[in-house]
Amino acid sequence: MNEETRNYGSKAELRRQQILDAAAECFRKSGFHGASMSEIAKSFGMSAGHIYNYFDNKEAIIEAMVKRDMDHSLERIAKIQGEKDILKAMLGTVDEGVQRRIDRSELDTEILAEAARNPKIAATVQCTDAVIREKVTNLIRGIQPEKNSPPCELSLAAKSTLLMALFDGLQIRAIRDPNMKANDVGRVLKTVIQQMLQS
């Protein structure tokens, strides 16, 4: 049992998470349209008909994946928010964030490609992004250097957008450059983030 399926209360919820894990692997290998419900079911040792007890279709599976990823992101942000030195806490998560983006590059780009074609998936992706972006903006607001006037909201929004774009862009780089060194990228990225957020 991996991190995604750990600590779920009910058996039904655990089964849902296991289906999402199996579907994620199938989407990575075959793409969203190439992976059938029967293929997902077979990889999980379940009948395709049984999956429909949990998800109406592949679209519903992707929506659940996006929402699950948002929940995990919000948990990580909440931990950072609870730290006394928010910037230090943020920098301490950079290496993990870099590796996560690299590991999820195929799946996340597949989801975004589907969002570009499917308005319903796009709405889910955009809604969850807005929630996370607001939380990230609040983090940045908490580490701005003290000045005579409060930080400009436009500047805060721009910084949160750029911060998220730095990590989002790693997904594309991981596909274009599979030999990218995560440790080196993380080390330089920490410097870039520190300079950006302390300015």
C-alpha atoms as a PDB file:
ATOM      1  CA  MET A   1       0.000   0.000   0.000  1.00  0.00           C
ATOM      2  CA  ASN A   2       1.517   3.347  -1.013  1.00  0.00           C
ATOM      3  CA  GLU A   3       1.216   6.875   0.336  1.00  0.00           C
ATOM      4  CA  GLU A   4      -1.877   7.616  -1.738  1.00  0.00           C
ATOM      5  CA  THR A   5      -3.872   4.725  -0.232  1.00  0.00           C
ATOM      6  CA  ARG A   6      -2.721   4.974   3.371  1.00  0.00           C
ATOM      7  CA  ASN A   7      -4.923   5.957   6.301  1.00  0.00           C
ATOM      8  CA  TYR A   8      -8.313   5.979   4.606  1.00  0.00           C
ATOM      9  CA  GLY A   9     -11.155   5.279   7.014  1.00  0.00           C
ATOM     10  CA  SER A  10     -13.651   3.187   5.086  1.00  0.00           C
ATOM     11  CA  LYS A  11     -13.097   0.179   2.887  1.00  0.00           C
ATOM     12  CA  ALA A  12     -15.019   1.870   0.063  1.00  0.00           C
ATOM     13  CA  GLU A  13     -12.822   4.955   0.227  1.00  0.00           C
ATOM     14  CA  LEU A  14      -9.703   2.807   0.284  1.00  0.00           C
ATOM     15  CA  ARG A  15     -10.957   0.973  -2.802  1.00  0.00           C
ATOM     16  CA  ARG A  16     -11.573   4.296  -4.565  1.00  0.00           C
ATOM     17  CA  GLN A  17      -8.004   5.376  -3.855  1.00  0.00           C
ATOM     18  CA  GLN A  18      -6.648   2.050  -5.111  1.00  0.00           C
ATOM     19  CA  ILE A  19      -8.609   2.458  -8.339  1.00  0.00           C
ATOM     20  CA  LEU A  20      -7.177   5.959  -8.761  1.00  0.00           C
ATOM     21  CA  ASP A  21      -3.656   4.589  -8.306  1.00  0.00           C
ATOM     22  CA  ALA A  22      -4.275   1.866 -10.890  1.00  0.00           C
ATOM     23  CA  ALA A  23      -5.838   4.345 -13.316  1.00  0.00           C
ATOM     24  CA  ALA A  24      -2.937   6.761 -12.885  1.00  0.00           C
ATOM     25  CA  GLU A  25      -0.485   4.063 -13.935  1.00  0.00           C
ATOM     26  CA  CYS A  26      -2.603   3.150 -16.946  1.00  0.00           C
ATOM     27  CA  PHE A  27      -2.914   6.796 -17.983  1.00  0.00           C
ATOM     28  CA  ARG A  28       0.867   7.160 -17.738  1.00  0.00           C
ATOM     29  CA  LYS A  29       1.421   4.140 -19.980  1.00  0.00           C
ATOM     30  CA  SER A  30      -1.416   4.452 -22.486  1.00  0.00           C
ATOM     31  CA  GLY A  31      -2.739   8.000 -22.192  1.00  0.00           C
ATOM     32  CA  PHE A  32      -6.226   8.998 -21.107  1.00  0.00           C
ATOM     33  CA  HIS A  33      -7.922   7.921 -24.323  1.00  0.00           C
ATOM     34  CA  GLY A  34      -5.712   4.868 -24.838  1.00  0.00           C
ATOM     35  CA  ALA A  35      -6.461   3.407 -21.403  1.00  0.00           C
ATOM     36  CA  SER A  36      -9.820   1.651 -21.231  1.00  0.00           C
ATOM     37  CA  MET A  37     -11.859   0.969 -18.125  1.00  0.00           C
ATOM     38  CA  SER A  38     -11.257  -2.746 -18.706  1.00  0.00           C
ATOM     39  CA  GLU A  39      -7.488  -2.151 -18.785  1.00  0.00           C
ATOM     40  CA  ILE A  40      -7.700  -0.216 -15.527  1.00  0.00           C
ATOM     41  CA  ALA A  41      -9.805  -2.970 -13.998  1.00  0.00           C
ATOM     42  CA  LYS A  42      -7.450  -5.705 -15.175  1.00  0.00           C
ATOM     43  CA  SER A  43      -4.412  -3.925 -13.717  1.00  0.00           C
ATOM     44  CA  PHE A  44      -6.215  -3.809 -10.390  1.00  0.00           C
ATOM     45  CA  GLY A  45      -7.611  -7.348 -10.504  1.00  0.00           C
ATOM     46  CA  MET A  46     -11.227  -6.231 -10.655  1.00  0.00           C
ATOM     47  CA  SER A  47     -14.003  -6.385 -13.240  1.00  0.00           C
ATOM     48  CA  ALA A  48     -14.714  -3.269 -15.287  1.00  0.00           C
ATOM     49  CA  GLY A  49     -18.308  -3.403 -14.088  1.00  0.00           C
ATOM     50  CA  HIS A  50     -17.141  -3.216 -10.480  1.00  0.00           C
ATOM     51  CA  ILE A  51     -15.229   0.021 -11.137  1.00  0.00           C
ATOM     52  CA  TYR A  52     -18.508   1.647 -12.188  1.00  0.00           C
ATOM     53  CA  ASN A  53     -19.702   1.224  -8.608  1.00  0.00           C
ATOM     54  CA  TYR A  54     -17.118   3.868  -7.694  1.00  0.00           C
ATOM     55  CA  PHE A  55     -16.723   6.026 -10.812  1.00  0.00           C
ATOM     56  CA  ASP A  56     -19.173   6.736 -13.620  1.00  0.00           C
ATOM     57  CA  ASN A  57     -16.463   7.026 -16.284  1.00  0.00           C
ATOM     58  CA  LYS A  58     -12.823   7.942 -16.931  1.00  0.00           C
ATOM     59  CA  GLU A  59     -13.705  11.626 -16.728  1.00  0.00           C
ATOM     60  CA  ALA A  60     -14.865  11.108 -13.149  1.00  0.00           C
ATOM     61  CA  ILE A  61     -11.607   9.317 -12.386  1.00  0.00           C
ATOM     62  CA  ILE A  62      -9.539  12.268 -13.619  1.00  0.00           C
ATOM     63  CA  GLU A  63     -11.678  14.698 -11.620  1.00  0.00           C
ATOM     64  CA  ALA A  64     -11.077  12.599  -8.503  1.00  0.00           C
ATOM     65  CA  MET A  65      -7.332  12.529  -9.211  1.00  0.00           C
ATOM     66  CA  VAL A  66      -7.213  16.317  -9.514  1.00  0.00           C
ATOM     67  CA  LYS A  67      -9.161  16.803  -6.285  1.00  0.00           C
ATOM     68  CA  ARG A  68      -6.999  14.277  -4.446  1.00  0.00           C
ATOM     69  CA  ASP A  69      -3.863  16.073  -5.551  1.00  0.00           C
ATOM     70  CA  MET A  70      -5.373  19.357  -4.353  1.00  0.00           C
ATOM     71  CA  ASP A  71      -6.085  17.842  -0.937  1.00  0.00           C
ATOM     72  CA  HIS A  72      -2.483  16.673  -0.633  1.00  0.00           C
ATOM     73  CA  SER A  73      -1.224  20.109  -1.694  1.00  0.00           C
ATOM     74  CA  LEU A  74      -3.433  21.804   0.878  1.00  0.00           C
ATOM     75  CA  GLU A  75      -2.105  19.488   3.591  1.00  0.00           C
ATOM     76  CA  ARG A  76       1.478  20.421   2.712  1.00  0.00           C
ATOM     77  CA  ILE A  77       0.609  24.128   2.626  1.00  0.00           C
ATOM     78  CA  ALA A  78      -1.121  23.889   6.025  1.00  0.00           C
ATOM     79  CA  LYS A  79       2.022  22.357   7.532  1.00  0.00           C
ATOM     80  CA  ILE A  80       4.131  25.203   6.157  1.00  0.00           C
ATOM     81  CA  GLN A  81       1.612  27.785   7.387  1.00  0.00           C
ATOM     82  CA  GLY A  82       1.951  26.401  10.900  1.00  0.00           C
ATOM     83  CA  GLU A  83       5.703  26.970  10.997  1.00  0.00           C
ATOM     84  CA  LYS A  84       7.227  30.027  12.653  1.00  0.00           C
ATOM     85  CA  ASP A  85       9.620  30.675   9.739  1.00  0.00           C
ATOM     86  CA  ILE A  86       7.422  30.217   6.672  1.00  0.00           C
ATOM     87  CA  LEU A  87      10.155  30.919   4.130  1.00  0.00           C
ATOM     88  CA  LYS A  88      12.485  28.368   5.716  1.00  0.00           C
ATOM     89  CA  ALA A  89       9.659  25.836   5.756  1.00  0.00           C
ATOM     90  CA  MET A  90       8.858  26.513   2.106  1.00  0.00           C
ATOM     91  CA  LEU A  91      12.493  26.110   1.085  1.00  0.00           C
ATOM     92  CA  GLY A  92      12.596  22.866   3.029  1.00  0.00           C
ATOM     93  CA  THR A  93       9.932  21.388   0.732  1.00  0.00           C
ATOM     94  CA  VAL A  94      11.587  22.369  -2.552  1.00  0.00           C
ATOM     95  CA  ASP A  95      13.522  19.135  -3.124  1.00  0.00           C
ATOM     96  CA  GLU A  96      10.423  17.044  -2.494  1.00  0.00           C
ATOM     97  CA  GLY A  97       8.394  19.313  -4.775  1.00  0.00           C
ATOM     98  CA  VAL A  98      10.926  19.039  -7.588  1.00  0.00           C
ATOM     99  CA  GLN A  99      11.010  15.260  -7.380  1.00  0.00           C
ATOM    100  CA  ARG A 100       7.224  15.057  -7.203  1.00  0.00           C
ATOM    101  CA  ARG A 101       6.856  17.134 -10.357  1.00  0.00           C
ATOM    102  CA  ILE A 102       9.368  14.956 -12.171  1.00  0.00           C
ATOM    103  CA  ASP A 103       7.711  11.727 -11.016  1.00  0.00           C
ATOM    104  CA  ARG A 104       4.249  12.952 -12.036  1.00  0.00           C
ATOM    105  CA  SER A 105       5.252  14.591 -15.317  1.00  0.00           C
ATOM    106  CA  GLU A 106       3.560  12.093 -17.649  1.00  0.00           C
ATOM    107  CA  LEU A 107       0.356  11.880 -15.622  1.00  0.00           C
ATOM    108  CA  ASP A 108      -0.002  15.626 -15.010  1.00  0.00           C
ATOM    109  CA  THR A 109       0.635  16.544 -18.644  1.00  0.00           C
ATOM    110  CA  GLU A 110      -1.939  13.945 -19.681  1.00  0.00           C
ATOM    111  CA  ILE A 111      -4.492  15.529 -17.331  1.00  0.00           C
ATOM    112  CA  LEU A 112      -3.710  19.017 -18.636  1.00  0.00           C
ATOM    113  CA  ALA A 113      -3.987  17.831 -22.232  1.00  0.00           C
ATOM    114  CA  GLU A 114      -7.440  16.449 -21.472  1.00  0.00           C
ATOM    115  CA  ALA A 115      -8.356  19.705 -19.714  1.00  0.00           C
ATOM    116  CA  ALA A 116      -7.479  21.581 -22.917  1.00  0.00           C
ATOM    117  CA  ARG A 117     -10.082  19.502 -24.790  1.00  0.00           C
ATOM    118  CA  ASN A 118     -12.698  18.833 -22.139  1.00  0.00           C
ATOM    119  CA  PRO A 119     -14.458  21.844 -20.552  1.00  0.00           C
ATOM    120  CA  LYS A 120     -15.591  19.821 -17.528  1.00  0.00           C
ATOM    121  CA  ILE A 121     -12.059  18.655 -16.712  1.00  0.00           C
ATOM    122  CA  ALA A 122     -10.796  22.185 -17.401  1.00  0.00           C
ATOM    123  CA  ALA A 123     -13.253  23.590 -14.859  1.00  0.00           C
ATOM    124  CA  THR A 124     -12.050  21.121 -12.215  1.00  0.00           C
ATOM    125  CA  VAL A 125      -8.384  21.876 -12.912  1.00  0.00           C
ATOM    126  CA  GLN A 126      -8.956  25.637 -12.876  1.00  0.00           C
ATOM    127  CA  CYS A 127     -11.037  25.527  -9.700  1.00  0.00           C
ATOM    128  CA  THR A 128      -8.477  23.498  -7.764  1.00  0.00           C
ATOM    129  CA  ASP A 129      -5.652  25.680  -9.072  1.00  0.00           C
ATOM    130  CA  ALA A 130      -7.452  28.800  -7.847  1.00  0.00           C
ATOM    131  CA  VAL A 131      -7.813  27.291  -4.355  1.00  0.00           C
ATOM    132  CA  ILE A 132      -4.119  26.373  -4.164  1.00  0.00           C
ATOM    133  CA  ARG A 133      -3.019  29.694  -5.664  1.00  0.00           C
ATOM    134  CA  GLU A 134      -4.936  31.578  -2.971  1.00  0.00           C
ATOM    135  CA  LYS A 135      -3.266  29.512  -0.245  1.00  0.00           C
ATOM    136  CA  VAL A 136       0.173  30.057  -1.779  1.00  0.00           C
ATOM    137  CA  THR A 137      -0.495  33.798  -1.973  1.00  0.00           C
ATOM    138  CA  ASN A 138      -1.344  33.797   1.730  1.00  0.00           C
ATOM    139  CA  LEU A 139       1.938  32.019   2.468  1.00  0.00           C
ATOM    140  CA  ILE A 140       3.876  34.628   0.527  1.00  0.00           C
ATOM    141  CA  ARG A 141       1.981  37.421   2.273  1.00  0.00           C
ATOM    142  CA  GLY A 142       3.249  36.019   5.568  1.00  0.00           C
ATOM    143  CA  ILE A 143       6.925  36.228   4.600  1.00  0.00           C
ATOM    144  CA  GLN A 144       7.069  39.608   2.909  1.00  0.00           C
ATOM    145  CA  PRO A 145       9.604  41.949   4.530  1.00  0.00           C
ATOM    146  CA  GLU A 146       8.016  44.506   6.811  1.00  0.00           C
ATOM    147  CA  LYS A 147       7.524  47.877   5.151  1.00  0.00           C
ATOM    148  CA  ASN A 148       5.645  51.064   5.910  1.00  0.00           C
ATOM    149  CA  SER A 149       2.803  49.930   3.671  1.00  0.00           C
ATOM    150  CA  PRO A 150       1.263  46.486   3.183  1.00  0.00           C
ATOM    151  CA  PRO A 151       2.478  44.425   0.227  1.00  0.00           C
ATOM    152  CA  CYS A 152       0.830  45.126  -3.128  1.00  0.00           C
ATOM    153  CA  GLU A 153      -1.802  42.489  -3.846  1.00  0.00           C
ATOM    154  CA  LEU A 154      -0.893  42.495  -7.540  1.00  0.00           C
ATOM    155  CA  SER A 155       2.723  41.785  -6.632  1.00  0.00           C
ATOM    156  CA  LEU A 156       1.704  38.970  -4.301  1.00  0.00           C
ATOM    157  CA  ALA A 157      -0.488  37.424  -6.999  1.00  0.00           C
ATOM    158  CA  ALA A 158       2.323  37.660  -9.532  1.00  0.00           C
ATOM    159  CA  LYS A 159       4.777  36.014  -7.136  1.00  0.00           C
ATOM    160  CA  SER A 160       2.417  33.142  -6.371  1.00  0.00           C
ATOM    161  CA  THR A 161       1.820  32.638 -10.101  1.00  0.00           C
ATOM    162  CA  LEU A 162       5.542  32.593 -10.825  1.00  0.00           C
ATOM    163  CA  LEU A 163       6.263  30.286  -7.901  1.00  0.00           C
ATOM    164  CA  MET A 164       3.703  27.782  -9.125  1.00  0.00           C
ATOM    165  CA  ALA A 165       4.902  28.160 -12.719  1.00  0.00           C
ATOM    166  CA  LEU A 166       8.443  27.254 -11.676  1.00  0.00           C
ATOM    167  CA  PHE A 167       7.234  23.878 -10.438  1.00  0.00           C
ATOM    168  CA  ASP A 168       4.682  23.359 -13.221  1.00  0.00           C
ATOM    169  CA  GLY A 169       7.396  23.955 -15.797  1.00  0.00           C
ATOM    170  CA  LEU A 170       9.472  21.125 -14.367  1.00  0.00           C
ATOM    171  CA  GLN A 171       6.888  18.667 -15.705  1.00  0.00           C
ATOM    172  CA  ILE A 172       7.660  19.742 -19.265  1.00  0.00           C
ATOM    173  CA  ARG A 173      11.401  19.822 -18.644  1.00  0.00           C
ATOM    174  CA  ALA A 174      11.284  16.279 -17.222  1.00  0.00           C
ATOM    175  CA  ILE A 175       9.753  15.024 -20.464  1.00  0.00           C
ATOM    176  CA  ARG A 176      12.060  17.037 -22.713  1.00  0.00           C
ATOM    177  CA  ASP A 177      15.153  16.280 -20.633  1.00  0.00           C
ATOM    178  CA  PRO A 178      14.837  12.920 -18.851  1.00  0.00           C
ATOM    179  CA  ASN A 179      18.420  13.299 -17.596  1.00  0.00           C
ATOM    180  CA  MET A 180      17.587  16.448 -15.642  1.00  0.00           C
ATOM    181  CA  LYS A 181      19.300  16.380 -12.238  1.00  0.00           C
ATOM    182  CA  ALA A 182      16.678  16.914  -9.547  1.00  0.00           C
ATOM    183  CA  ASN A 183      19.227  17.735  -6.837  1.00  0.00           C
ATOM    184  CA  ASP A 184      20.930  20.434  -8.900  1.00  0.00           C
ATOM    185  CA  VAL A 185      17.602  21.917  -9.970  1.00  0.00           C
ATOM    186  CA  GLY A 186      16.374  21.953  -6.375  1.00  0.00           C
ATOM    187  CA  ARG A 187      19.511  23.685  -5.118  1.00  0.00           C
ATOM    188  CA  VAL A 188      19.285  26.486  -7.686  1.00  0.00           C
ATOM    189  CA  LEU A 189      15.511  26.760  -7.321  1.00  0.00           C
ATOM    190  CA  LYS A 190      15.843  27.420  -3.595  1.00  0.00           C
ATOM    191  CA  THR A 191      18.056  30.419  -4.342  1.00  0.00           C
ATOM    192  CA  VAL A 192      15.644  31.737  -6.963  1.00  0.00           C
ATOM    193  CA  ILE A 193      12.643  31.372  -4.648  1.00  0.00           C
ATOM    194  CA  GLN A 194      14.425  32.988  -1.708  1.00  0.00           C
ATOM    195  CA  GLN A 195      15.450  35.994  -3.789  1.00  0.00           C
ATOM    196  CA  MET A 196      11.990  36.377  -5.307  1.00  0.00           C
ATOM    197  CA  LEU A 197      10.076  36.127  -2.041  1.00  0.00           C
ATOM    198  CA  GLN A 198      12.360  38.394  -0.038  1.00  0.00           C
ATOM    199  CA  SER A 199      12.281  41.232  -2.566  1.00  0.00           C
END
